[in-house]
């Protein structure tokens, strides 16, 4: 799971959902207590993940059954699990997070 601050994550979700390949985004978990979004990504993503301002949790790579109910107390699915979009494409997520960071920086500098 790739975890990012909520603001950047919401921008990235918008970017991914507007993309030509809308299947690039899978389930997204919102943790209100921590003000983060978590994107489910394929096993092995953590080994090469190096996006500043984010964290990628490493798993044992055996696959994970995604529950219909959010797995963390105080969280909720922003985009719930679906059979046709099991995980978020890491390359698409990386590009969307980079673009989201640039948009946020530009917006913050306009104040």
Protein backbone atom coordinates (compact mmCIF):
# COMPACT_ATOMS: atom_id res chain seq x y z
CA UNK A 1 0.00 0.00 0.00
CA UNK A 2 1.29 3.45 -0.94
CA UNK A 3 0.33 6.05 1.67
CA UNK A 4 0.28 9.79 0.92
CA UNK A 5 -1.14 12.94 2.54
CA UNK A 6 -4.86 13.31 1.82
CA UNK A 7 -4.55 16.47 -0.28
CA UNK A 8 -1.99 15.01 -2.65
CA UNK A 9 -3.83 11.69 -2.74
CA UNK A 10 -7.14 13.29 -3.70
CA UNK A 11 -5.45 15.19 -6.52
CA UNK A 12 -3.81 11.96 -7.70
CA UNK A 13 -7.15 10.11 -7.65
CA UNK A 14 -8.68 12.85 -9.83
CA UNK A 15 -5.74 12.68 -12.23
CA UNK A 16 -5.93 8.89 -12.46
CA UNK A 17 -9.69 8.83 -12.96
CA UNK A 18 -9.50 11.43 -15.76
CA UNK A 19 -6.73 9.52 -17.55
CA UNK A 20 -7.40 7.60 -20.73
CA UNK A 21 -6.63 4.36 -18.86
CA UNK A 22 -9.16 4.71 -16.04
CA UNK A 23 -8.36 1.16 -14.92
CA UNK A 24 -5.05 2.46 -13.55
CA UNK A 25 -6.59 3.18 -10.13
CA UNK A 26 -7.74 0.47 -7.77
CA UNK A 27 -9.07 0.64 -4.21
CA UNK A 28 -8.14 3.72 -2.17
CA UNK A 29 -8.42 3.80 1.61
CA UNK A 30 -8.99 7.10 3.45
CA UNK A 31 -7.68 7.24 7.00
CA UNK A 32 -9.23 10.35 8.50
CA UNK A 33 -7.34 10.08 11.79
CA UNK A 34 -3.98 10.17 10.02
CA UNK A 35 -5.11 12.44 7.16
CA UNK A 36 -3.79 9.99 4.57
CA UNK A 37 -4.93 8.04 1.54
CA UNK A 38 -3.67 4.54 0.86
CA UNK A 39 -3.49 3.17 -2.67
CA UNK A 40 -3.42 -0.61 -2.97
CA UNK A 41 -0.56 -1.59 -5.30
CA UNK A 42 0.84 -4.93 -6.50
CA UNK A 43 3.17 -6.97 -4.25
CA UNK A 44 6.81 -6.02 -4.85
CA UNK A 45 6.11 -2.32 -5.42
CA UNK A 46 7.83 -1.32 -2.18
CA UNK A 47 11.21 -2.59 -3.40
CA UNK A 48 11.49 0.20 -5.99
CA UNK A 49 9.24 2.87 -4.47
CA UNK A 50 11.08 6.14 -3.88
CA UNK A 51 8.51 8.92 -4.26
CA UNK A 52 9.20 11.74 -1.78
CA UNK A 53 6.39 12.43 0.68
CA UNK A 54 4.96 8.94 0.42
CA UNK A 55 5.53 5.53 1.99
CA UNK A 56 5.05 2.07 0.54
CA UNK A 57 4.36 -0.81 2.90
CA UNK A 58 6.10 -4.03 1.95
CA UNK A 59 4.14 -7.30 2.06
CA UNK A 60 5.21 -10.89 1.76
CA UNK A 61 4.06 -10.89 -1.89
CA UNK A 62 1.61 -13.75 -1.47
CA UNK A 63 -1.36 -11.59 -2.30
CA UNK A 64 -3.92 -10.14 -0.03
CA UNK A 65 -7.63 -10.63 0.13
CA UNK A 66 -9.14 -7.17 0.09
CA UNK A 67 -12.03 -6.92 2.55
CA UNK A 68 -15.26 -5.11 1.66
CA UNK A 69 -15.10 -3.33 5.01
CA UNK A 70 -12.16 -0.98 5.64
CA UNK A 71 -9.38 -2.87 7.45
CA UNK A 72 -8.45 0.00 9.79
CA UNK A 73 -10.70 1.51 12.45
CA UNK A 74 -11.52 5.14 11.59
CA UNK A 75 -10.93 4.60 7.88
CA UNK A 76 -13.25 4.22 4.92
CA UNK A 77 -12.92 3.29 1.28
CA UNK A 78 -12.69 6.35 -0.97
CA UNK A 79 -12.75 3.93 -3.91
CA UNK A 80 -13.98 0.52 -2.74
CA UNK A 81 -12.51 -2.76 -3.95
CA UNK A 82 -13.86 -4.00 -7.29
CA UNK A 83 -13.18 -7.14 -9.27
CA UNK A 84 -12.24 -5.19 -12.41
CA UNK A 85 -9.63 -2.93 -10.71
CA UNK A 86 -7.86 -4.96 -8.02
CA UNK A 87 -4.84 -2.65 -7.48
CA UNK A 88 -3.41 0.67 -8.65
CA UNK A 89 -0.76 0.62 -11.34
CA UNK A 90 2.47 1.84 -9.64
CA UNK A 91 3.81 3.67 -12.72
CA UNK A 92 0.52 5.51 -13.22
CA UNK A 93 0.39 6.32 -9.49
CA UNK A 94 3.95 7.67 -9.52
CA UNK A 95 3.13 9.97 -12.45
CA UNK A 96 -0.15 11.12 -10.87
CA UNK A 97 1.53 11.86 -7.52
CA UNK A 98 4.25 13.87 -9.27
CA UNK A 99 1.64 15.86 -11.19
CA UNK A 100 -0.44 16.35 -8.03
CA UNK A 101 2.58 17.69 -6.14
CA UNK A 102 3.24 20.21 -8.93
CA UNK A 103 -0.42 21.32 -8.95
CA UNK A 104 -0.46 21.76 -5.18
CA UNK A 105 2.81 23.71 -5.22
CA UNK A 106 1.50 26.00 -7.98
CA UNK A 107 -1.77 26.58 -6.11
CA UNK A 108 0.04 27.31 -2.85
CA UNK A 109 2.38 29.79 -4.58
CA UNK A 110 -0.57 31.75 -5.99
CA UNK A 111 -1.70 32.87 -2.54
